[in-house]
Amino acid sequence: MRSYIEEAQRLSGSLQDFEHETRRLRKIAADRDRVQRDLKIRLVAAKEEFIPLRDEFDAEYKQAQVQVEQMREKAKEKMAGIEPQYIEKYNTIKQQCTPPIAKLQNGQCGGCNMSFPSSVLSSIKNGKLVECETCGRMVIT
């Protein structure tokens, strides 16, 4: 009989442990459900905010694409008046450094600020194609 009582007490203790664990797991599940509901609400709000912003972006993007295309057309028109060797040189330099052209400023390259000798300055001022020996850019007046 004593063994039955001990067995009953042990089972009762185990049962209480399981009930305690069950309550703990239910609390965790309830907390996670609450977090999930909050996330769903935030998701719906974010979607409602996103859709008009996406539409606005799409409209601006289309408008910008039109402007870019217009600028490309202008560039093609202006390139028609430039000698092909200059365009080829420009494209070669553009692959190495950006911007590929630097303006002459106070006798210096506008790209790297290196000074030019007077012979190079006179060549630049006479309209000859001159590359900066330091940065490789085409120097213009």
N, C-alpha and C. Protein backbone atom coordinates (compact mmCIF):
# COMPACT_ATOMS: atom_id res chain seq x y z
N MET A 1 0.81 -1.17 0.00
CA MET A 1 0.00 0.00 0.00
C MET A 1 0.88 1.26 0.00
N ARG A 2 1.91 1.20 0.76
CA ARG A 2 2.82 2.33 0.85
C ARG A 2 3.43 2.63 -0.52
N SER A 3 3.75 1.61 -1.26
CA SER A 3 4.33 1.81 -2.59
C SER A 3 3.32 2.48 -3.53
N TYR A 4 2.00 2.15 -3.33
CA TYR A 4 0.98 2.80 -4.14
C TYR A 4 0.88 4.28 -3.81
N ILE A 5 1.00 4.58 -2.54
CA ILE A 5 0.93 5.99 -2.11
C ILE A 5 2.13 6.75 -2.67
N GLU A 6 3.31 6.15 -2.57
CA GLU A 6 4.51 6.80 -3.10
C GLU A 6 4.40 6.99 -4.62
N GLU A 7 3.89 5.95 -5.27
CA GLU A 7 3.70 6.02 -6.73
C GLU A 7 2.69 7.12 -7.08
N ALA A 8 1.62 7.24 -6.32
CA ALA A 8 0.60 8.27 -6.55
C ALA A 8 1.19 9.66 -6.33
N GLN A 9 2.01 9.81 -5.28
CA GLN A 9 2.64 11.10 -5.00
C GLN A 9 3.62 11.47 -6.13
N ARG A 10 4.37 10.49 -6.58
CA ARG A 10 5.33 10.73 -7.67
C ARG A 10 4.59 11.12 -8.95
N LEU A 11 3.52 10.41 -9.25
CA LEU A 11 2.71 10.73 -10.43
C LEU A 11 2.04 12.10 -10.29
N SER A 12 1.61 12.42 -9.09
CA SER A 12 0.99 13.72 -8.83
C SER A 12 2.02 14.83 -9.06
N GLY A 13 3.24 14.62 -8.59
CA GLY A 13 4.32 15.59 -8.81
C GLY A 13 4.63 15.74 -10.29
N SER A 14 4.69 14.61 -10.99
CA SER A 14 4.94 14.65 -12.44
C SER A 14 3.81 15.36 -13.16
N LEU A 15 2.58 15.10 -12.73
CA LEU A 15 1.42 15.75 -13.33
C LEU A 15 1.48 17.26 -13.12
N GLN A 16 1.87 17.68 -11.93
CA GLN A 16 1.99 19.12 -11.66
C GLN A 16 3.09 19.73 -12.53
N ASP A 17 4.20 19.00 -12.70
CA ASP A 17 5.28 19.50 -13.56
C ASP A 17 4.79 19.66 -15.00
N PHE A 18 4.04 18.66 -15.50
CA PHE A 18 3.50 18.73 -16.86
C PHE A 18 2.51 19.88 -17.00
N GLU A 19 1.67 20.09 -15.98
CA GLU A 19 0.70 21.19 -16.03
C GLU A 19 1.43 22.53 -16.04
N HIS A 20 2.48 22.63 -15.22
CA HIS A 20 3.27 23.85 -15.17
C HIS A 20 3.93 24.10 -16.55
N GLU A 21 4.50 23.06 -17.13
CA GLU A 21 5.13 23.17 -18.46
C GLU A 21 4.09 23.53 -19.52
N THR A 22 2.90 22.95 -19.42
CA THR A 22 1.82 23.25 -20.37
C THR A 22 1.42 24.72 -20.27
N ARG A 23 1.28 25.24 -19.04
CA ARG A 23 0.94 26.66 -18.86
C ARG A 23 2.03 27.56 -19.44
N ARG A 24 3.27 27.18 -19.21
CA ARG A 24 4.40 27.97 -19.73
C ARG A 24 4.38 27.97 -21.27
N LEU A 25 4.16 26.82 -21.87
CA LEU A 25 4.10 26.73 -23.33
C LEU A 25 2.91 27.49 -23.90
N ARG A 26 1.76 27.45 -23.21
CA ARG A 26 0.59 28.21 -23.67
C ARG A 26 0.85 29.71 -23.62
N LYS A 27 1.56 30.14 -22.57
CA LYS A 27 1.90 31.56 -22.45
C LYS A 27 2.83 31.98 -23.60
N ILE A 28 3.82 31.14 -23.87
CA ILE A 28 4.74 31.44 -24.98
C ILE A 28 3.97 31.48 -26.29
N ALA A 29 3.07 30.52 -26.50
CA ALA A 29 2.27 30.48 -27.73
C ALA A 29 1.39 31.71 -27.85
N ALA A 30 0.80 32.14 -26.74
CA ALA A 30 -0.06 33.33 -26.76
C ALA A 30 0.77 34.57 -27.09
N ASP A 31 1.97 34.66 -26.50
CA ASP A 31 2.85 35.79 -26.79
C ASP A 31 3.23 35.81 -28.27
N ARG A 32 3.55 34.66 -28.81
CA ARG A 32 3.93 34.58 -30.23
C ARG A 32 2.74 34.89 -31.13
N ASP A 33 1.55 34.46 -30.74
CA ASP A 33 0.35 34.80 -31.51
C ASP A 33 0.13 36.31 -31.53
N ARG A 34 0.33 36.94 -30.38
CA ARG A 34 0.16 38.39 -30.28
C ARG A 34 1.19 39.09 -31.18
N VAL A 35 2.43 38.63 -31.13
CA VAL A 35 3.47 39.22 -31.98
C VAL A 35 3.12 39.02 -33.45
N GLN A 36 2.63 37.85 -33.79
CA GLN A 36 2.26 37.55 -35.18
C GLN A 36 1.12 38.47 -35.64
N ARG A 37 0.12 38.66 -34.79
CA ARG A 37 -0.99 39.57 -35.14
C ARG A 37 -0.48 40.99 -35.34
N ASP A 38 0.40 41.43 -34.43
CA ASP A 38 0.96 42.78 -34.57
C ASP A 38 1.74 42.91 -35.89
N LEU A 39 2.50 41.88 -36.22
CA LEU A 39 3.26 41.92 -37.47
C LEU A 39 2.34 41.95 -38.69
N LYS A 40 1.25 41.20 -38.63
CA LYS A 40 0.30 41.21 -39.75
C LYS A 40 -0.31 42.60 -39.91
N ILE A 41 -0.64 43.24 -38.79
CA ILE A 41 -1.21 44.59 -38.85
C ILE A 41 -0.20 45.56 -39.44
N ARG A 42 1.06 45.45 -39.00
CA ARG A 42 2.11 46.32 -39.53
C ARG A 42 2.35 46.05 -41.01
N LEU A 43 2.25 44.78 -41.40
CA LEU A 43 2.44 44.43 -42.80
C LEU A 43 1.36 45.06 -43.68
N VAL A 44 0.13 44.99 -43.23
CA VAL A 44 -0.98 45.59 -43.99
C VAL A 44 -0.76 47.10 -44.11
N ALA A 45 -0.36 47.73 -43.00
CA ALA A 45 -0.12 49.18 -43.04
C ALA A 45 1.04 49.51 -43.98
N ALA A 46 2.09 48.69 -43.94
CA ALA A 46 3.24 48.93 -44.81
C ALA A 46 2.85 48.76 -46.27
N LYS A 47 2.03 47.76 -46.58
CA LYS A 47 1.58 47.57 -47.96
C LYS A 47 0.75 48.75 -48.42
N GLU A 48 -0.13 49.25 -47.54
CA GLU A 48 -0.96 50.40 -47.89
C GLU A 48 -0.10 51.63 -48.15
N GLU A 49 0.99 51.76 -47.41
CA GLU A 49 1.89 52.89 -47.62
C GLU A 49 2.76 52.67 -48.86
N PHE A 50 3.14 51.43 -49.11
CA PHE A 50 4.05 51.11 -50.20
C PHE A 50 3.42 51.32 -51.58
N ILE A 51 2.19 50.91 -51.75
CA ILE A 51 1.55 50.93 -53.07
C ILE A 51 1.53 52.34 -53.67
N PRO A 52 1.07 53.38 -52.94
CA PRO A 52 1.11 54.71 -53.56
C PRO A 52 2.55 55.20 -53.81
N LEU A 53 3.47 54.83 -52.91
CA LEU A 53 4.85 55.25 -53.12
C LEU A 53 5.44 54.57 -54.36
N ARG A 54 5.11 53.30 -54.56
CA ARG A 54 5.59 52.59 -55.74
C ARG A 54 5.02 53.22 -57.00
N ASP A 55 3.73 53.56 -56.98
CA ASP A 55 3.11 54.19 -58.14
C ASP A 55 3.75 55.54 -58.43
N GLU A 56 4.03 56.30 -57.38
CA GLU A 56 4.69 57.60 -57.54
C GLU A 56 6.09 57.41 -58.14
N PHE A 57 6.82 56.41 -57.62
CA PHE A 57 8.15 56.12 -58.14
C PHE A 57 8.09 55.72 -59.61
N ASP A 58 7.15 54.86 -59.95
CA ASP A 58 7.02 54.41 -61.34
C ASP A 58 6.77 55.59 -62.27
N ALA A 59 5.91 56.51 -61.84
CA ALA A 59 5.62 57.69 -62.67
C ALA A 59 6.88 58.56 -62.83
N GLU A 60 7.59 58.78 -61.72
CA GLU A 60 8.81 59.58 -61.78
C GLU A 60 9.87 58.89 -62.63
N TYR A 61 9.95 57.57 -62.52
CA TYR A 61 10.93 56.80 -63.29
C TYR A 61 10.66 56.92 -64.78
N LYS A 62 9.39 56.80 -65.16
CA LYS A 62 9.03 56.93 -66.58
C LYS A 62 9.38 58.32 -67.09
N GLN A 63 9.10 59.32 -66.27
CA GLN A 63 9.40 60.69 -66.64
C GLN A 63 10.91 60.88 -66.79
N ALA A 64 11.66 60.31 -65.87
CA ALA A 64 13.12 60.42 -65.93
C ALA A 64 13.67 59.68 -67.15
N GLN A 65 13.08 58.55 -67.48
CA GLN A 65 13.52 57.80 -68.66
C GLN A 65 13.33 58.63 -69.93
N VAL A 66 12.22 59.35 -70.00
CA VAL A 66 11.98 60.22 -71.16
C VAL A 66 13.06 61.30 -71.23
N GLN A 67 13.38 61.90 -70.09
CA GLN A 67 14.41 62.93 -70.05
C GLN A 67 15.78 62.36 -70.43
N VAL A 68 16.08 61.17 -69.94
CA VAL A 68 17.36 60.54 -70.28
C VAL A 68 17.44 60.28 -71.78
N GLU A 69 16.37 59.81 -72.34
CA GLU A 69 16.34 59.54 -73.78
C GLU A 69 16.52 60.83 -74.58
N GLN A 70 15.89 61.92 -74.12
CA GLN A 70 16.06 63.21 -74.78
C GLN A 70 17.51 63.67 -74.70
N MET A 71 18.13 63.47 -73.54
CA MET A 71 19.53 63.86 -73.38
C MET A 71 20.44 63.02 -74.27
N ARG A 72 20.14 61.74 -74.40
CA ARG A 72 20.94 60.88 -75.29
C ARG A 72 20.83 61.35 -76.74
N GLU A 73 19.63 61.73 -77.13
CA GLU A 73 19.43 62.24 -78.50
C GLU A 73 20.23 63.52 -78.71
N LYS A 74 20.20 64.43 -77.73
CA LYS A 74 20.98 65.67 -77.83
C LYS A 74 22.47 65.36 -77.93
N ALA A 75 22.92 64.39 -77.12
CA ALA A 75 24.33 64.01 -77.15
C ALA A 75 24.72 63.46 -78.51
N LYS A 76 23.86 62.64 -79.11
CA LYS A 76 24.14 62.10 -80.44
C LYS A 76 24.23 63.21 -81.47
N GLU A 77 23.30 64.18 -81.37
CA GLU A 77 23.32 65.31 -82.30
C GLU A 77 24.61 66.10 -82.17
N LYS A 78 25.03 66.34 -80.94
CA LYS A 78 26.24 67.13 -80.72
C LYS A 78 27.49 66.35 -81.11
N MET A 79 27.45 65.03 -80.96
CA MET A 79 28.60 64.20 -81.33
C MET A 79 28.81 64.19 -82.84
N ALA A 80 27.76 64.45 -83.59
CA ALA A 80 27.87 64.46 -85.05
C ALA A 80 28.85 65.53 -85.53
N GLY A 81 29.00 66.60 -84.79
CA GLY A 81 29.89 67.68 -85.18
C GLY A 81 31.31 67.53 -84.65
N ILE A 82 31.61 66.44 -83.99
CA ILE A 82 32.94 66.24 -83.40
C ILE A 82 33.69 65.20 -84.22
N GLU A 83 34.98 65.44 -84.38
CA GLU A 83 35.80 64.51 -85.15
C GLU A 83 35.85 63.14 -84.46
N PRO A 84 35.77 62.06 -85.23
CA PRO A 84 35.72 60.71 -84.65
C PRO A 84 36.91 60.37 -83.76
N GLN A 85 38.11 60.87 -84.09
CA GLN A 85 39.28 60.54 -83.26
C GLN A 85 39.13 61.11 -81.85
N TYR A 86 38.48 62.28 -81.73
CA TYR A 86 38.26 62.86 -80.41
C TYR A 86 37.24 62.03 -79.62
N ILE A 87 36.21 61.57 -80.29
CA ILE A 87 35.20 60.75 -79.62
C ILE A 87 35.81 59.44 -79.16
N GLU A 88 36.65 58.84 -80.03
CA GLU A 88 37.31 57.59 -79.67
C GLU A 88 38.24 57.79 -78.47
N LYS A 89 38.99 58.87 -78.49
CA LYS A 89 39.89 59.18 -77.37
C LYS A 89 39.09 59.42 -76.09
N TYR A 90 38.00 60.16 -76.21
CA TYR A 90 37.12 60.43 -75.07
C TYR A 90 36.63 59.13 -74.45
N ASN A 91 36.13 58.21 -75.29
CA ASN A 91 35.61 56.94 -74.78
C ASN A 91 36.70 56.10 -74.13
N THR A 92 37.91 56.13 -74.68
CA THR A 92 39.03 55.40 -74.09
C THR A 92 39.36 55.95 -72.71
N ILE A 93 39.44 57.26 -72.60
CA ILE A 93 39.76 57.88 -71.31
C ILE A 93 38.63 57.66 -70.32
N LYS A 94 37.39 57.70 -70.80
CA LYS A 94 36.23 57.53 -69.92
C LYS A 94 36.24 56.17 -69.22
N GLN A 95 36.79 55.16 -69.88
CA GLN A 95 36.88 53.83 -69.26
C GLN A 95 37.87 53.82 -68.10
N GLN A 96 38.83 54.74 -68.11
CA GLN A 96 39.86 54.76 -67.08
C GLN A 96 39.57 55.72 -65.94
N CYS A 97 38.98 56.87 -66.26
CA CYS A 97 38.67 57.83 -65.19
C CYS A 97 37.43 58.63 -65.56
N THR A 98 36.73 59.04 -64.54
CA THR A 98 35.52 59.82 -64.73
C THR A 98 35.62 61.07 -63.87
N PRO A 99 35.35 62.22 -64.39
CA PRO A 99 35.01 62.56 -65.77
C PRO A 99 36.26 62.53 -66.64
N PRO A 100 36.11 62.22 -67.92
CA PRO A 100 37.27 62.10 -68.80
C PRO A 100 37.82 63.43 -69.30
N ILE A 101 37.11 64.50 -69.04
CA ILE A 101 37.55 65.83 -69.47
C ILE A 101 37.72 66.72 -68.24
N ALA A 102 38.81 67.49 -68.26
CA ALA A 102 39.04 68.44 -67.17
C ALA A 102 39.24 69.82 -67.79
N LYS A 103 38.79 70.82 -67.09
CA LYS A 103 38.90 72.19 -67.57
C LYS A 103 40.24 72.78 -67.08
N LEU A 104 40.85 73.58 -67.92
CA LEU A 104 42.08 74.26 -67.55
C LEU A 104 41.74 75.39 -66.58
N GLN A 105 42.34 75.36 -65.40
CA GLN A 105 42.06 76.37 -64.37
C GLN A 105 43.37 76.93 -63.84
N ASN A 106 43.62 78.19 -64.14
CA ASN A 106 44.83 78.88 -63.67
C ASN A 106 46.09 78.12 -64.04
N GLY A 107 46.13 77.61 -65.26
CA GLY A 107 47.32 76.90 -65.74
C GLY A 107 47.46 75.50 -65.17
N GLN A 108 46.40 75.00 -64.55
CA GLN A 108 46.45 73.66 -63.94
C GLN A 108 45.32 72.79 -64.49
N CYS A 109 45.53 71.48 -64.41
CA CYS A 109 44.48 70.53 -64.78
C CYS A 109 43.38 70.61 -63.73
N GLY A 110 42.14 70.75 -64.19
CA GLY A 110 41.01 70.82 -63.26
C GLY A 110 40.69 69.49 -62.61
N GLY A 111 41.27 68.40 -63.10
CA GLY A 111 41.02 67.08 -62.52
C GLY A 111 41.96 66.74 -61.39
N CYS A 112 43.27 67.05 -61.58
CA CYS A 112 44.26 66.65 -60.56
C CYS A 112 45.06 67.83 -60.01
N ASN A 113 44.82 69.04 -60.55
CA ASN A 113 45.46 70.28 -60.09
C ASN A 113 46.98 70.32 -60.34
N MET A 114 47.45 69.57 -61.32
CA MET A 114 48.87 69.63 -61.68
C MET A 114 49.08 70.79 -62.65
N SER A 115 50.18 71.50 -62.49
CA SER A 115 50.50 72.64 -63.36
C SER A 115 51.09 72.15 -64.67
N PHE A 116 50.81 72.91 -65.74
CA PHE A 116 51.34 72.58 -67.06
C PHE A 116 52.46 73.54 -67.42
N PRO A 117 53.44 73.06 -68.19
CA PRO A 117 54.46 73.98 -68.70
C PRO A 117 53.84 74.92 -69.74
N SER A 118 54.50 76.02 -70.02
CA SER A 118 53.94 77.03 -70.91
C SER A 118 53.71 76.48 -72.32
N SER A 119 54.55 75.56 -72.79
CA SER A 119 54.36 75.00 -74.14
C SER A 119 53.05 74.20 -74.21
N VAL A 120 52.75 73.46 -73.17
CA VAL A 120 51.51 72.68 -73.13
C VAL A 120 50.32 73.63 -73.00
N LEU A 121 50.47 74.68 -72.21
CA LEU A 121 49.38 75.66 -72.06
C LEU A 121 49.04 76.30 -73.40
N SER A 122 50.06 76.63 -74.19
CA SER A 122 49.78 77.25 -75.49
C SER A 122 49.10 76.25 -76.42
N SER A 123 49.47 74.96 -76.34
CA SER A 123 48.80 73.94 -77.15
C SER A 123 47.33 73.82 -76.77
N ILE A 124 47.06 73.84 -75.48
CA ILE A 124 45.67 73.74 -75.00
C ILE A 124 44.88 74.95 -75.49
N LYS A 125 45.48 76.13 -75.37
CA LYS A 125 44.77 77.35 -75.76
C LYS A 125 44.56 77.42 -77.27
N ASN A 126 45.41 76.74 -78.04
CA ASN A 126 45.26 76.70 -79.51
C ASN A 126 44.26 75.64 -79.95
N GLY A 127 43.67 74.92 -79.00
CA GLY A 127 42.62 73.96 -79.32
C GLY A 127 43.11 72.55 -79.62
N LYS A 128 44.38 72.28 -79.37
CA LYS A 128 44.89 70.93 -79.61
C LYS A 128 44.43 69.98 -78.50
N LEU A 129 44.32 68.71 -78.87
CA LEU A 129 43.94 67.69 -77.90
C LEU A 129 45.15 67.39 -77.02
N VAL A 130 45.02 67.71 -75.73
CA VAL A 130 46.11 67.49 -74.78
C VAL A 130 45.59 66.65 -73.64
N GLU A 131 46.37 65.60 -73.31
CA GLU A 131 46.03 64.77 -72.16
C GLU A 131 46.93 65.17 -71.00
N CYS A 132 46.37 65.22 -69.83
CA CYS A 132 47.16 65.50 -68.63
C CYS A 132 48.06 64.29 -68.39
N GLU A 133 49.34 64.54 -68.20
CA GLU A 133 50.28 63.44 -67.99
C GLU A 133 50.08 62.77 -66.64
N THR A 134 49.46 63.46 -65.72
CA THR A 134 49.27 62.90 -64.38
C THR A 134 48.01 62.06 -64.26
N CYS A 135 46.85 62.62 -64.66
CA CYS A 135 45.59 61.90 -64.46
C CYS A 135 45.03 61.30 -65.74
N GLY A 136 45.56 61.69 -66.91
CA GLY A 136 45.12 61.11 -68.17
C GLY A 136 43.88 61.75 -68.77
N ARG A 137 43.33 62.79 -68.16
CA ARG A 137 42.12 63.42 -68.69
C ARG A 137 42.46 64.33 -69.87
N MET A 138 41.47 64.53 -70.74
CA MET A 138 41.59 65.51 -71.81
C MET A 138 41.40 66.88 -71.17
N VAL A 139 42.30 67.80 -71.49
CA VAL A 139 42.23 69.13 -70.88
C VAL A 139 41.71 70.11 -71.93
N ILE A 140 40.68 70.88 -71.54
CA ILE A 140 40.08 71.87 -72.43
C ILE A 140 40.09 73.23 -71.76
N THR A 141 39.91 74.27 -72.58
CA THR A 141 39.85 75.63 -72.01
C THR A 141 38.44 76.00 -71.67
